[in-house]
Amino acid sequence: MSVMSNVVLEVRDLTTKYVTRFREEVYAVDHVSLQVEEGKSLGIAGESGCGKSTLALSLMGYYFPPLHYTCGEIIIDGRDISAMRPDDVRKSILGTEIAYIPQSAMNALNPTQKVIHFVEDVFQAHDPFKSKKEIHEFAKEAFETLGLPEEVLQKYPVELSGGMKQRTVIAVSVLLCPKVLIADEPSSALDVTTQKMVIKMLKGLMENGFIKSMIFITHELPLLYNVTDDIMVMYAGQIVEKATAREAVFDPLHPYAKGLMGSIIVPESGLRDVKLAAIPGVPPNLKDPPVGCRFAERCKYVRAECKVAAVPLYDAGGGRAYRCILSEEVLREAYQHAG
């Protein structure tokens, strides 16, 4: 199958696992497929432990024990990196093809180095012949474009506020103009004002030509409405819903996606009157996942047949999909009666 020319990242049936010291296998990413087009952003939402961050590491070929690649394809701009050695991916793919903003990005900078020295290390790892003068000029221009003052380059991380460190890490991550940027909960642990600044900066990366597309990972589904074009909801290592941002926030189909929306206070018009309700229970243990629907034990709409066999991802048309045996009509009617 050929890859569409405007698809920057395509993932087909990706499965990765953790192997514990007792040789137990935990499939944290279970047959995941997705596409991200040039100029578009994809949001990935779900509770802690659902597989979001493991998916991010897998997309970068970061397969170091206990994480192991099992099967599937990861195609970036037409190049399949799934069969490449992790060291080769790190040297030739990371930074230029795909970049990553990790959780706790504020701690990603070396406390003993000025920011400019960190920038020099990034450039010289990919282009050892680039002079320091060229690096400094490019970094200065890039930081100014992204709304960061030039003097940040000459500071140590300890001299920067938490929000400034976060924005600096983002800027350094995109200096080599990667095709895909993965932002793993980049706005967590920030106050509301700083969070807005970080979100604004991320949204401006494509406008300023630093990246072609973005994957934004968070446990706050409503946050993605103002950041991404499409949303993918994960649960227990699987995709349970794919939709546009508007569909996922205002008209979720899967009971888990519906539960996520109902458990968070959101300011968007049309959702302010939604009653808050926590999702009962906890996610299943992936060392021994249930045979049927993985959300069945926590779902108020569960039926006997939900626990019989694995539930496929049903195509709902228009690029939308959800993993539930109940039809769209039945689900919407149930939600309406539930208030």
C-alpha atoms as a PDB file:
ATOM      1  CA  MET A   1       0.000   0.000   0.000  1.00  0.00           C
ATOM      2  CA  SER A   2       1.432   3.382  -0.951  1.00  0.00           C
ATOM      3  CA  VAL A   3       1.459   6.240   1.493  1.00  0.00           C
ATOM      4  CA  MET A   4      -0.547   9.357   0.610  1.00  0.00           C
ATOM      5  CA  SER A   5       1.735  12.268  -0.222  1.00  0.00           C
ATOM      6  CA  ASN A   6       0.235  14.547   2.455  1.00  0.00           C
ATOM      7  CA  VAL A   7       0.537  11.943   5.223  1.00  0.00           C
ATOM      8  CA  VAL A   8       3.610  12.773   7.279  1.00  0.00           C
ATOM      9  CA  LEU A   9       3.231   9.952   9.799  1.00  0.00           C
ATOM     10  CA  GLU A  10       1.437   6.651   9.288  1.00  0.00           C
ATOM     11  CA  VAL A  11       1.298   3.873  11.864  1.00  0.00           C
ATOM     12  CA  ARG A  12      -0.076   0.457  10.944  1.00  0.00           C
ATOM     13  CA  ASP A  13      -1.016  -2.170  13.510  1.00  0.00           C
ATOM     14  CA  LEU A  14       1.740  -1.179  15.946  1.00  0.00           C
ATOM     15  CA  THR A  15       2.133  -3.450  18.971  1.00  0.00           C
ATOM     16  CA  THR A  16       4.769  -2.996  21.672  1.00  0.00           C
ATOM     17  CA  LYS A  17       5.184  -4.639  25.052  1.00  0.00           C
ATOM     18  CA  TYR A  18       7.024  -4.429  28.343  1.00  0.00           C
ATOM     19  CA  VAL A  19       8.748  -7.571  29.581  1.00  0.00           C
ATOM     20  CA  THR A  20       9.115  -7.673  33.360  1.00  0.00           C
ATOM     21  CA  ARG A  21      11.996  -9.297  35.215  1.00  0.00           C
ATOM     22  CA  PHE A  22       9.655 -12.228  35.837  1.00  0.00           C
ATOM     23  CA  ARG A  23       9.230 -12.575  32.023  1.00  0.00           C
ATOM     24  CA  GLU A  24       5.647 -11.327  32.170  1.00  0.00           C
ATOM     25  CA  GLU A  25       4.493  -9.546  29.005  1.00  0.00           C
ATOM     26  CA  VAL A  26       2.471  -6.350  29.225  1.00  0.00           C
ATOM     27  CA  TYR A  27       1.106  -5.109  25.890  1.00  0.00           C
ATOM     28  CA  ALA A  28       0.931  -1.358  26.514  1.00  0.00           C
ATOM     29  CA  VAL A  29       0.340  -0.544  22.817  1.00  0.00           C
ATOM     30  CA  ASP A  30      -1.996  -3.080  21.272  1.00  0.00           C
ATOM     31  CA  HIS A  31      -2.489  -3.003  17.459  1.00  0.00           C
ATOM     32  CA  VAL A  32      -2.631   0.782  17.119  1.00  0.00           C
ATOM     33  CA  SER A  33      -3.025   2.433  13.712  1.00  0.00           C
ATOM     34  CA  LEU A  34      -3.117   6.173  12.999  1.00  0.00           C
ATOM     35  CA  GLN A  35      -2.326   8.848  10.431  1.00  0.00           C
ATOM     36  CA  VAL A  36      -1.191  12.435  10.788  1.00  0.00           C
ATOM     37  CA  GLU A  37      -1.341  14.679   7.731  1.00  0.00           C
ATOM     38  CA  GLU A  38       0.899  17.637   6.984  1.00  0.00           C
ATOM     39  CA  GLY A  39      -0.404  20.776   8.633  1.00  0.00           C
ATOM     40  CA  LYS A  40      -2.577  18.785  11.034  1.00  0.00           C
ATOM     41  CA  SER A  41      -2.356  17.928  14.720  1.00  0.00           C
ATOM     42  CA  LEU A  42      -3.569  14.795  16.481  1.00  0.00           C
ATOM     43  CA  GLY A  43      -4.519  14.678  20.136  1.00  0.00           C
ATOM     44  CA  ILE A  44      -4.204  11.504  22.194  1.00  0.00           C
ATOM     45  CA  ALA A  45      -6.198  11.379  25.421  1.00  0.00           C
ATOM     46  CA  GLY A  46      -6.687   8.879  28.217  1.00  0.00           C
ATOM     47  CA  GLU A  47      -6.038   8.148  31.871  1.00  0.00           C
ATOM     48  CA  SER A  48      -2.574   7.564  33.273  1.00  0.00           C
ATOM     49  CA  GLY A  49      -1.389   4.085  32.321  1.00  0.00           C
ATOM     50  CA  CYS A  50      -3.517   3.782  29.184  1.00  0.00           C
ATOM     51  CA  GLY A  51      -0.467   3.613  26.876  1.00  0.00           C
ATOM     52  CA  LYS A  52      -0.142   7.211  25.650  1.00  0.00           C
ATOM     53  CA  SER A  53       3.483   7.790  26.625  1.00  0.00           C
ATOM     54  CA  THR A  54       4.489   4.262  25.610  1.00  0.00           C
ATOM     55  CA  LEU A  55       2.995   4.948  22.184  1.00  0.00           C
ATOM     56  CA  ALA A  56       5.090   8.136  21.980  1.00  0.00           C
ATOM     57  CA  LEU A  57       8.288   6.236  22.811  1.00  0.00           C
ATOM     58  CA  SER A  58       7.352   3.510  20.324  1.00  0.00           C
ATOM     59  CA  LEU A  59       6.819   6.026  17.522  1.00  0.00           C
ATOM     60  CA  MET A  60      10.387   7.209  18.022  1.00  0.00           C
ATOM     61  CA  GLY A  61      11.797   3.688  17.945  1.00  0.00           C
ATOM     62  CA  TYR A  62      12.831   3.971  21.578  1.00  0.00           C
ATOM     63  CA  TYR A  63      12.988   0.227  22.165  1.00  0.00           C
ATOM     64  CA  PHE A  64      15.228  -0.319  25.125  1.00  0.00           C
ATOM     65  CA  PRO A  65      14.438  -2.913  27.830  1.00  0.00           C
ATOM     66  CA  PRO A  66      11.929  -3.355  29.288  1.00  0.00           C
ATOM     67  CA  LEU A  67      10.113  -1.935  26.209  1.00  0.00           C
ATOM     68  CA  HIS A  68      10.158  -4.188  23.131  1.00  0.00           C
ATOM     69  CA  TYR A  69       8.841  -3.895  19.583  1.00  0.00           C
ATOM     70  CA  THR A  70       6.461  -6.707  18.577  1.00  0.00           C
ATOM     71  CA  CYS A  71       4.955  -5.861  15.186  1.00  0.00           C
ATOM     72  CA  GLY A  72       3.611  -3.098  12.971  1.00  0.00           C
ATOM     73  CA  GLU A  73       4.937  -0.287  10.783  1.00  0.00           C
ATOM     74  CA  ILE A  74       5.951   3.291  11.584  1.00  0.00           C
ATOM     75  CA  ILE A  75       6.295   5.341   8.408  1.00  0.00           C
ATOM     76  CA  ILE A  76       7.580   8.912   8.639  1.00  0.00           C
ATOM     77  CA  ASP A  77       7.414  10.910   5.419  1.00  0.00           C
ATOM     78  CA  GLY A  78       7.483   7.679   3.405  1.00  0.00           C
ATOM     79  CA  ARG A  79      10.329   6.066   5.364  1.00  0.00           C
ATOM     80  CA  ASP A  80       9.643   2.942   7.432  1.00  0.00           C
ATOM     81  CA  ILE A  81      11.591   3.195  10.684  1.00  0.00           C
ATOM     82  CA  SER A  82       9.989   0.234  12.475  1.00  0.00           C
ATOM     83  CA  ALA A  83      12.728  -2.178  11.393  1.00  0.00           C
ATOM     84  CA  MET A  84      15.606   0.177  12.178  1.00  0.00           C
ATOM     85  CA  ARG A  85      17.932  -0.333  15.148  1.00  0.00           C
ATOM     86  CA  PRO A  86      17.212   2.077  18.040  1.00  0.00           C
ATOM     87  CA  ASP A  87      20.691   3.622  17.761  1.00  0.00           C
ATOM     88  CA  ASP A  88      20.203   4.252  14.026  1.00  0.00           C
ATOM     89  CA  VAL A  89      16.838   5.883  14.703  1.00  0.00           C
ATOM     90  CA  ARG A  90      18.418   8.099  17.343  1.00  0.00           C
ATOM     91  CA  LYS A  91      21.219   9.212  15.007  1.00  0.00           C
ATOM     92  CA  SER A  92      19.294   9.739  11.769  1.00  0.00           C
ATOM     93  CA  ILE A  93      15.625  10.194  12.687  1.00  0.00           C
ATOM     94  CA  LEU A  94      15.270  11.865  16.080  1.00  0.00           C
ATOM     95  CA  GLY A  95      15.415  15.620  15.925  1.00  0.00           C
ATOM     96  CA  THR A  96      15.173  15.875  12.154  1.00  0.00           C
ATOM     97  CA  GLU A  97      12.235  13.598  11.280  1.00  0.00           C
ATOM     98  CA  ILE A  98      10.525  13.313  14.638  1.00  0.00           C
ATOM     99  CA  ALA A  99      11.084  15.200  17.893  1.00  0.00           C
ATOM    100  CA  TYR A 100       9.827  14.691  21.415  1.00  0.00           C
ATOM    101  CA  ILE A 101       8.897  16.935  24.310  1.00  0.00           C
ATOM    102  CA  PRO A 102       8.897  14.608  27.337  1.00  0.00           C
ATOM    103  CA  GLN A 103       6.807  14.739  30.457  1.00  0.00           C
ATOM    104  CA  SER A 104       8.506  16.895  33.081  1.00  0.00           C
ATOM    105  CA  ALA A 105      10.226  18.742  30.246  1.00  0.00           C
ATOM    106  CA  MET A 106      11.263  21.422  32.727  1.00  0.00           C
ATOM    107  CA  ASN A 107      13.853  18.935  34.021  1.00  0.00           C
ATOM    108  CA  ALA A 108      15.186  18.053  30.555  1.00  0.00           C
ATOM    109  CA  LEU A 109      17.862  20.743  30.491  1.00  0.00           C
ATOM    110  CA  ASN A 110      21.320  20.076  31.911  1.00  0.00           C
ATOM    111  CA  PRO A 111      21.575  22.220  35.076  1.00  0.00           C
ATOM    112  CA  THR A 112      25.348  22.630  34.581  1.00  0.00           C
ATOM    113  CA  GLN A 113      25.074  24.026  31.048  1.00  0.00           C
ATOM    114  CA  LYS A 114      23.862  27.318  29.682  1.00  0.00           C
ATOM    115  CA  VAL A 115      20.993  26.939  27.230  1.00  0.00           C
ATOM    116  CA  ILE A 116      23.220  27.880  24.285  1.00  0.00           C
ATOM    117  CA  HIS A 117      25.611  25.023  25.090  1.00  0.00           C
ATOM    118  CA  PHE A 118      22.670  22.614  25.105  1.00  0.00           C
ATOM    119  CA  VAL A 119      21.676  24.002  21.702  1.00  0.00           C
ATOM    120  CA  GLU A 120      25.237  23.492  20.418  1.00  0.00           C
ATOM    121  CA  ASP A 121      25.143  19.831  21.489  1.00  0.00           C
ATOM    122  CA  VAL A 122      21.870  19.296  19.618  1.00  0.00           C
ATOM    123  CA  PHE A 123      23.194  20.789  16.381  1.00  0.00           C
ATOM    124  CA  GLN A 124      26.625  19.175  16.497  1.00  0.00           C
ATOM    125  CA  ALA A 125      25.122  15.727  17.039  1.00  0.00           C
ATOM    126  CA  HIS A 126      23.517  16.051  13.591  1.00  0.00           C
ATOM    127  CA  ASP A 127      25.856  18.468  11.804  1.00  0.00           C
ATOM    128  CA  PRO A 128      29.351  18.433  13.362  1.00  0.00           C
ATOM    129  CA  PHE A 129      30.676  20.825  10.703  1.00  0.00           C
ATOM    130  CA  LYS A 130      28.334  23.657  11.626  1.00  0.00           C
ATOM    131  CA  SER A 131      30.245  26.475  13.307  1.00  0.00           C
ATOM    132  CA  LYS A 132      29.299  27.859  16.699  1.00  0.00           C
ATOM    133  CA  LYS A 133      28.705  31.246  15.113  1.00  0.00           C
ATOM    134  CA  GLU A 134      26.170  29.765  12.690  1.00  0.00           C
ATOM    135  CA  ILE A 135      24.485  27.865  15.529  1.00  0.00           C
ATOM    136  CA  HIS A 136      24.258  30.990  17.689  1.00  0.00           C
ATOM    137  CA  GLU A 137      22.790  33.085  14.875  1.00  0.00           C
ATOM    138  CA  PHE A 138      20.210  30.445  13.985  1.00  0.00           C
ATOM    139  CA  ALA A 139      19.267  29.861  17.636  1.00  0.00           C
ATOM    140  CA  LYS A 140      18.880  33.594  18.263  1.00  0.00           C
ATOM    141  CA  GLU A 141      16.591  34.009  15.254  1.00  0.00           C
ATOM    142  CA  ALA A 142      14.572  30.893  16.127  1.00  0.00           C
ATOM    143  CA  PHE A 143      14.081  31.922  19.756  1.00  0.00           C
ATOM    144  CA  GLU A 144      12.950  35.400  18.722  1.00  0.00           C
ATOM    145  CA  THR A 145      10.480  33.906  16.227  1.00  0.00           C
ATOM    146  CA  LEU A 146       9.052  31.714  19.005  1.00  0.00           C
ATOM    147  CA  GLY A 147       8.695  34.638  21.380  1.00  0.00           C
ATOM    148  CA  LEU A 148      11.696  33.909  23.592  1.00  0.00           C
ATOM    149  CA  PRO A 149      14.198  36.672  24.403  1.00  0.00           C
ATOM    150  CA  GLU A 150      17.765  36.230  23.159  1.00  0.00           C
ATOM    151  CA  GLU A 151      19.189  36.428  26.684  1.00  0.00           C
ATOM    152  CA  VAL A 152      17.598  33.065  27.538  1.00  0.00           C
ATOM    153  CA  LEU A 153      20.355  31.417  25.496  1.00  0.00           C
ATOM    154  CA  GLN A 154      22.984  32.685  27.926  1.00  0.00           C
ATOM    155  CA  LYS A 155      21.216  31.555  31.084  1.00  0.00           C
ATOM    156  CA  TYR A 156      21.463  28.398  33.171  1.00  0.00           C
ATOM    157  CA  PRO A 157      18.206  26.445  33.679  1.00  0.00           C
ATOM    158  CA  VAL A 158      18.113  27.441  37.356  1.00  0.00           C
ATOM    159  CA  GLU A 159      17.800  31.081  36.273  1.00  0.00           C
ATOM    160  CA  LEU A 160      14.610  30.393  34.335  1.00  0.00           C
ATOM    161  CA  SER A 161      11.051  30.107  35.647  1.00  0.00           C
ATOM    162  CA  GLY A 162       9.186  26.829  35.175  1.00  0.00           C
ATOM    163  CA  GLY A 163       7.164  28.172  32.262  1.00  0.00           C
ATOM    164  CA  MET A 164      10.250  29.661  30.589  1.00  0.00           C
ATOM    165  CA  LYS A 165      12.101  26.347  30.928  1.00  0.00           C
ATOM    166  CA  GLN A 166       9.150  24.553  29.352  1.00  0.00           C
ATOM    167  CA  ARG A 167       9.083  26.966  26.413  1.00  0.00           C
ATOM    168  CA  THR A 168      12.877  26.715  26.058  1.00  0.00           C
ATOM    169  CA  VAL A 169      12.723  22.920  25.834  1.00  0.00           C
ATOM    170  CA  ILE A 170      10.027  23.227  23.164  1.00  0.00           C
ATOM    171  CA  ALA A 171      12.166  25.675  21.195  1.00  0.00           C
ATOM    172  CA  VAL A 172      15.253  23.453  21.385  1.00  0.00           C
ATOM    173  CA  SER A 173      13.185  20.415  20.334  1.00  0.00           C
ATOM    174  CA  VAL A 174      12.161  22.035  17.033  1.00  0.00           C
ATOM    175  CA  LEU A 175      15.431  23.773  16.055  1.00  0.00           C
ATOM    176  CA  LEU A 176      16.153  21.049  13.473  1.00  0.00           C
ATOM    177  CA  CYS A 177      12.650  21.501  11.983  1.00  0.00           C
ATOM    178  CA  PRO A 178      11.323  17.954  12.527  1.00  0.00           C
ATOM    179  CA  LYS A 179       8.428  16.756  10.413  1.00  0.00           C
ATOM    180  CA  VAL A 180       6.546  15.457  13.459  1.00  0.00           C
ATOM    181  CA  LEU A 181       6.606  16.830  17.007  1.00  0.00           C
ATOM    182  CA  ILE A 182       5.318  14.677  19.864  1.00  0.00           C
ATOM    183  CA  ALA A 183       4.363  16.751  22.906  1.00  0.00           C
ATOM    184  CA  ASP A 184       3.783  14.521  25.947  1.00  0.00           C
ATOM    185  CA  GLU A 185       1.630  16.464  28.421  1.00  0.00           C
ATOM    186  CA  PRO A 186       3.606  19.678  27.830  1.00  0.00           C
ATOM    187  CA  SER A 187       1.200  21.857  29.809  1.00  0.00           C
ATOM    188  CA  SER A 188       0.958  19.757  32.970  1.00  0.00           C
ATOM    189  CA  ALA A 189       2.222  21.223  36.277  1.00  0.00           C
ATOM    190  CA  LEU A 190       1.855  24.764  34.918  1.00  0.00           C
ATOM    191  CA  ASP A 191      -0.429  27.542  36.102  1.00  0.00           C
ATOM    192  CA  VAL A 192      -3.269  28.551  33.792  1.00  0.00           C
ATOM    193  CA  THR A 193      -1.558  31.677  32.423  1.00  0.00           C
ATOM    194  CA  THR A 194       1.693  29.859  31.633  1.00  0.00           C
ATOM    195  CA  GLN A 195      -0.245  26.942  30.202  1.00  0.00           C
ATOM    196  CA  LYS A 196      -1.919  29.299  27.734  1.00  0.00           C
ATOM    197  CA  MET A 197       1.487  30.657  26.682  1.00  0.00           C
ATOM    198  CA  VAL A 198       2.826  27.145  26.077  1.00  0.00           C
ATOM    199  CA  ILE A 199      -0.268  26.159  24.081  1.00  0.00           C
ATOM    200  CA  LYS A 200      -0.003  29.334  21.993  1.00  0.00           C
ATOM    201  CA  MET A 201       3.655  28.559  21.308  1.00  0.00           C
ATOM    202  CA  LEU A 202       2.878  24.990  20.241  1.00  0.00           C
ATOM    203  CA  LYS A 203       0.091  26.130  17.916  1.00  0.00           C
ATOM    204  CA  GLY A 204       2.476  28.616  16.309  1.00  0.00           C
ATOM    205  CA  LEU A 205       5.131  26.038  15.451  1.00  0.00           C
ATOM    206  CA  MET A 206       3.439  25.003  12.199  1.00  0.00           C
ATOM    207  CA  GLU A 207       2.610  28.592  11.299  1.00  0.00           C
ATOM    208  CA  ASN A 208       6.294  29.508  11.619  1.00  0.00           C
ATOM    209  CA  GLY A 209       7.476  26.479   9.615  1.00  0.00           C
ATOM    210  CA  PHE A 210       9.304  24.688  12.430  1.00  0.00           C
ATOM    211  CA  ILE A 211       7.232  21.483  12.157  1.00  0.00           C
ATOM    212  CA  LYS A 212       4.850  19.884   9.664  1.00  0.00           C
ATOM    213  CA  SER A 213       2.557  18.130  12.115  1.00  0.00           C
ATOM    214  CA  MET A 214       2.088  17.490  15.812  1.00  0.00           C
ATOM    215  CA  ILE A 215       0.878  14.825  18.239  1.00  0.00           C
ATOM    216  CA  PHE A 216      -0.339  16.290  21.536  1.00  0.00           C
ATOM    217  CA  ILE A 217      -0.722  13.852  24.450  1.00  0.00           C
ATOM    218  CA  THR A 218      -2.752  14.650  27.547  1.00  0.00           C
ATOM    219  CA  HIS A 219      -5.210  13.163  30.023  1.00  0.00           C
ATOM    220  CA  GLU A 220      -7.424  16.248  29.624  1.00  0.00           C
ATOM    221  CA  LEU A 221      -9.671  15.519  26.653  1.00  0.00           C
ATOM    222  CA  PRO A 222     -11.308  19.006  26.550  1.00  0.00           C
ATOM    223  CA  LEU A 223      -7.885  20.692  26.333  1.00  0.00           C
ATOM    224  CA  LEU A 224      -7.366  19.093  22.926  1.00  0.00           C
ATOM    225  CA  TYR A 225     -10.413  20.856  21.484  1.00  0.00           C
ATOM    226  CA  ASN A 226      -8.479  24.132  21.252  1.00  0.00           C
ATOM    227  CA  VAL A 227      -5.178  22.567  20.202  1.00  0.00           C
ATOM    228  CA  THR A 228      -5.709  19.687  17.768  1.00  0.00           C
ATOM    229  CA  ASP A 229      -7.689  18.866  14.635  1.00  0.00           C
ATOM    230  CA  ASP A 230      -8.400  15.251  15.506  1.00  0.00           C
ATOM    231  CA  ILE A 231      -8.507  13.223  18.716  1.00  0.00           C
ATOM    232  CA  MET A 232      -7.738   9.599  19.484  1.00  0.00           C
ATOM    233  CA  VAL A 233      -8.844   8.201  22.844  1.00  0.00           C
ATOM    234  CA  MET A 234      -6.819   5.321  24.306  1.00  0.00           C
ATOM    235  CA  TYR A 235      -7.786   2.852  26.992  1.00  0.00           C
ATOM    236  CA  ALA A 236      -5.775  -0.116  28.273  1.00  0.00           C
ATOM    237  CA  GLY A 237      -3.384   0.004  25.310  1.00  0.00           C
ATOM    238  CA  GLN A 238      -6.076   0.186  22.625  1.00  0.00           C
ATOM    239  CA  ILE A 239      -7.731   2.924  20.605  1.00  0.00           C
ATOM    240  CA  VAL A 240     -11.366   3.157  21.682  1.00  0.00           C
ATOM    241  CA  GLU A 241     -12.357   6.216  19.655  1.00  0.00           C
ATOM    242  CA  LYS A 242     -11.124   8.263  16.695  1.00  0.00           C
ATOM    243  CA  ALA A 243     -12.885  11.491  15.772  1.00  0.00           C
ATOM    244  CA  THR A 244     -12.471  15.137  14.948  1.00  0.00           C
ATOM    245  CA  ALA A 245     -11.802  17.342  17.964  1.00  0.00           C
ATOM    246  CA  ARG A 246     -15.350  18.705  17.875  1.00  0.00           C
ATOM    247  CA  GLU A 247     -16.900  15.231  17.638  1.00  0.00           C
ATOM    248  CA  ALA A 248     -14.778  13.818  20.457  1.00  0.00           C
ATOM    249  CA  VAL A 249     -15.584  16.691  22.815  1.00  0.00           C
ATOM    250  CA  PHE A 250     -19.215  17.483  21.968  1.00  0.00           C
ATOM    251  CA  ASP A 251     -20.437  14.108  20.704  1.00  0.00           C
ATOM    252  CA  PRO A 252     -18.258  11.243  22.030  1.00  0.00           C
ATOM    253  CA  LEU A 253     -19.450   7.755  21.114  1.00  0.00           C
ATOM    254  CA  HIS A 254     -17.475   5.316  23.233  1.00  0.00           C
ATOM    255  CA  PRO A 255     -18.652   5.126  26.891  1.00  0.00           C
ATOM    256  CA  TYR A 256     -15.076   5.714  28.076  1.00  0.00           C
ATOM    257  CA  ALA A 257     -14.699   8.881  25.984  1.00  0.00           C
ATOM    258  CA  LYS A 258     -18.091   9.994  27.265  1.00  0.00           C
ATOM    259  CA  GLY A 259     -16.920   9.320  30.812  1.00  0.00           C
ATOM    260  CA  LEU A 260     -13.744  11.360  30.323  1.00  0.00           C
ATOM    261  CA  MET A 261     -15.802  14.349  29.214  1.00  0.00           C
ATOM    262  CA  GLY A 262     -18.141  13.940  32.164  1.00  0.00           C
ATOM    263  CA  SER A 263     -15.349  13.848  34.735  1.00  0.00           C
ATOM    264  CA  ILE A 264     -13.702  17.189  33.926  1.00  0.00           C
ATOM    265  CA  ILE A 265     -14.941  20.749  34.340  1.00  0.00           C
ATOM    266  CA  VAL A 266     -14.854  22.462  30.950  1.00  0.00           C
ATOM    267  CA  PRO A 267     -15.583  26.090  29.982  1.00  0.00           C
ATOM    268  CA  GLU A 268     -16.743  25.422  26.406  1.00  0.00           C
ATOM    269  CA  SER A 269     -20.246  26.655  25.597  1.00  0.00           C
ATOM    270  CA  GLY A 270     -22.679  23.747  25.459  1.00  0.00           C
ATOM    271  CA  LEU A 271     -20.792  21.686  28.031  1.00  0.00           C
ATOM    272  CA  ARG A 272     -21.035  23.867  31.126  1.00  0.00           C
ATOM    273  CA  ASP A 273     -24.241  22.163  32.266  1.00  0.00           C
ATOM    274  CA  VAL A 274     -22.828  18.636  32.039  1.00  0.00           C
ATOM    275  CA  LYS A 275     -22.929  16.995  35.465  1.00  0.00           C
ATOM    276  CA  LEU A 276     -19.577  15.923  36.851  1.00  0.00           C
ATOM    277  CA  ALA A 277     -19.267  12.183  37.470  1.00  0.00           C
ATOM    278  CA  ALA A 278     -16.127  10.147  38.087  1.00  0.00           C
ATOM    279  CA  ILE A 279     -15.545   6.964  36.115  1.00  0.00           C
ATOM    280  CA  PRO A 280     -15.885   4.130  38.645  1.00  0.00           C
ATOM    281  CA  GLY A 281     -13.206   1.482  39.121  1.00  0.00           C
ATOM    282  CA  VAL A 282      -9.697   1.303  37.686  1.00  0.00           C
ATOM    283  CA  PRO A 283      -8.226   0.179  34.339  1.00  0.00           C
ATOM    284  CA  PRO A 284      -7.557  -3.569  33.936  1.00  0.00           C
ATOM    285  CA  ASN A 285      -4.211  -5.180  34.680  1.00  0.00           C
ATOM    286  CA  LEU A 286      -2.575  -5.604  31.271  1.00  0.00           C
ATOM    287  CA  LYS A 287      -0.568  -8.576  32.507  1.00  0.00           C
ATOM    288  CA  ASP A 288      -3.856 -10.438  32.196  1.00  0.00           C
ATOM    289  CA  PRO A 289      -6.347  -8.296  30.247  1.00  0.00           C
ATOM    290  CA  PRO A 290     -10.023  -9.306  30.052  1.00  0.00           C
ATOM    291  CA  VAL A 291     -11.162 -11.425  27.105  1.00  0.00           C
ATOM    292  CA  GLY A 292     -13.883  -9.058  25.932  1.00  0.00           C
ATOM    293  CA  CYS A 293     -14.182  -5.289  26.087  1.00  0.00           C
ATOM    294  CA  ARG A 294     -11.448  -3.904  28.339  1.00  0.00           C
ATOM    295  CA  PHE A 295     -13.767  -1.202  29.631  1.00  0.00           C
ATOM    296  CA  ALA A 296     -16.620  -3.591  30.463  1.00  0.00           C
ATOM    297  CA  GLU A 297     -16.044  -3.731  34.222  1.00  0.00           C
ATOM    298  CA  ARG A 298     -16.359   0.055  34.495  1.00  0.00           C
ATOM    299  CA  CYS A 299     -19.087   0.619  31.902  1.00  0.00           C
ATOM    300  CA  LYS A 300     -22.656   1.350  32.997  1.00  0.00           C
ATOM    301  CA  TYR A 301     -23.948   0.203  29.598  1.00  0.00           C
ATOM    302  CA  VAL A 302     -22.262  -3.209  29.703  1.00  0.00           C
ATOM    303  CA  ARG A 303     -24.040  -6.284  28.369  1.00  0.00           C
ATOM    304  CA  ALA A 304     -23.259  -9.969  28.659  1.00  0.00           C
ATOM    305  CA  GLU A 305     -21.907 -10.139  25.092  1.00  0.00           C
ATOM    306  CA  CYS A 306     -19.355  -7.414  25.899  1.00  0.00           C
ATOM    307  CA  LYS A 307     -17.358  -9.978  27.875  1.00  0.00           C
ATOM    308  CA  VAL A 308     -17.389 -12.797  25.331  1.00  0.00           C
ATOM    309  CA  ALA A 309     -14.805 -11.776  22.715  1.00  0.00           C
ATOM    310  CA  ALA A 310     -12.447  -8.961  21.786  1.00  0.00           C
ATOM    311  CA  VAL A 311     -14.261  -5.922  20.392  1.00  0.00           C
ATOM    312  CA  PRO A 312     -12.987  -4.592  17.045  1.00  0.00           C
ATOM    313  CA  LEU A 313     -12.659  -0.926  16.121  1.00  0.00           C
ATOM    314  CA  TYR A 314     -15.800  -0.188  14.107  1.00  0.00           C
ATOM    315  CA  ASP A 315     -15.744   2.291  11.217  1.00  0.00           C
ATOM    316  CA  ALA A 316     -18.412   4.930  11.804  1.00  0.00           C
ATOM    317  CA  GLY A 317     -17.717   6.722   8.515  1.00  0.00           C
ATOM    318  CA  GLY A 318     -16.066  10.039   7.785  1.00  0.00           C
ATOM    319  CA  GLY A 319     -12.811   8.923   9.397  1.00  0.00           C
ATOM    320  CA  ARG A 320     -14.564   8.214  12.690  1.00  0.00           C
ATOM    321  CA  ALA A 321     -14.249   4.914  14.569  1.00  0.00           C
ATOM    322  CA  TYR A 322     -15.102   3.483  17.987  1.00  0.00           C
ATOM    323  CA  ARG A 323     -14.601   0.197  19.857  1.00  0.00           C
ATOM    324  CA  CYS A 324     -18.029  -0.829  21.186  1.00  0.00           C
ATOM    325  CA  ILE A 325     -20.581  -3.519  20.258  1.00  0.00           C
ATOM    326  CA  LEU A 326     -23.454  -1.039  20.687  1.00  0.00           C
ATOM    327  CA  SER A 327     -24.586   0.959  17.666  1.00  0.00           C
ATOM    328  CA  GLU A 328     -24.321   4.730  17.474  1.00  0.00           C
ATOM    329  CA  GLU A 329     -28.102   5.021  17.831  1.00  0.00           C
ATOM    330  CA  VAL A 330     -28.221   2.840  20.948  1.00  0.00           C
ATOM    331  CA  LEU A 331     -25.340   4.711  22.571  1.00  0.00           C
ATOM    332  CA  ARG A 332     -26.775   8.154  21.883  1.00  0.00           C
ATOM    333  CA  GLU A 333     -30.184   7.111  23.197  1.00  0.00           C
ATOM    334  CA  ALA A 334     -28.567   5.721  26.349  1.00  0.00           C
ATOM    335  CA  TYR A 335     -26.634   8.949  26.891  1.00  0.00           C
ATOM    336  CA  GLN A 336     -29.784  11.014  26.401  1.00  0.00           C
ATOM    337  CA  HIS A 337     -31.699   9.005  29.006  1.00  0.00           C
ATOM    338  CA  ALA A 338     -28.734   9.235  31.410  1.00  0.00           C
ATOM    339  CA  GLY A 339     -28.902  13.029  31.193  1.00  0.00           C
END
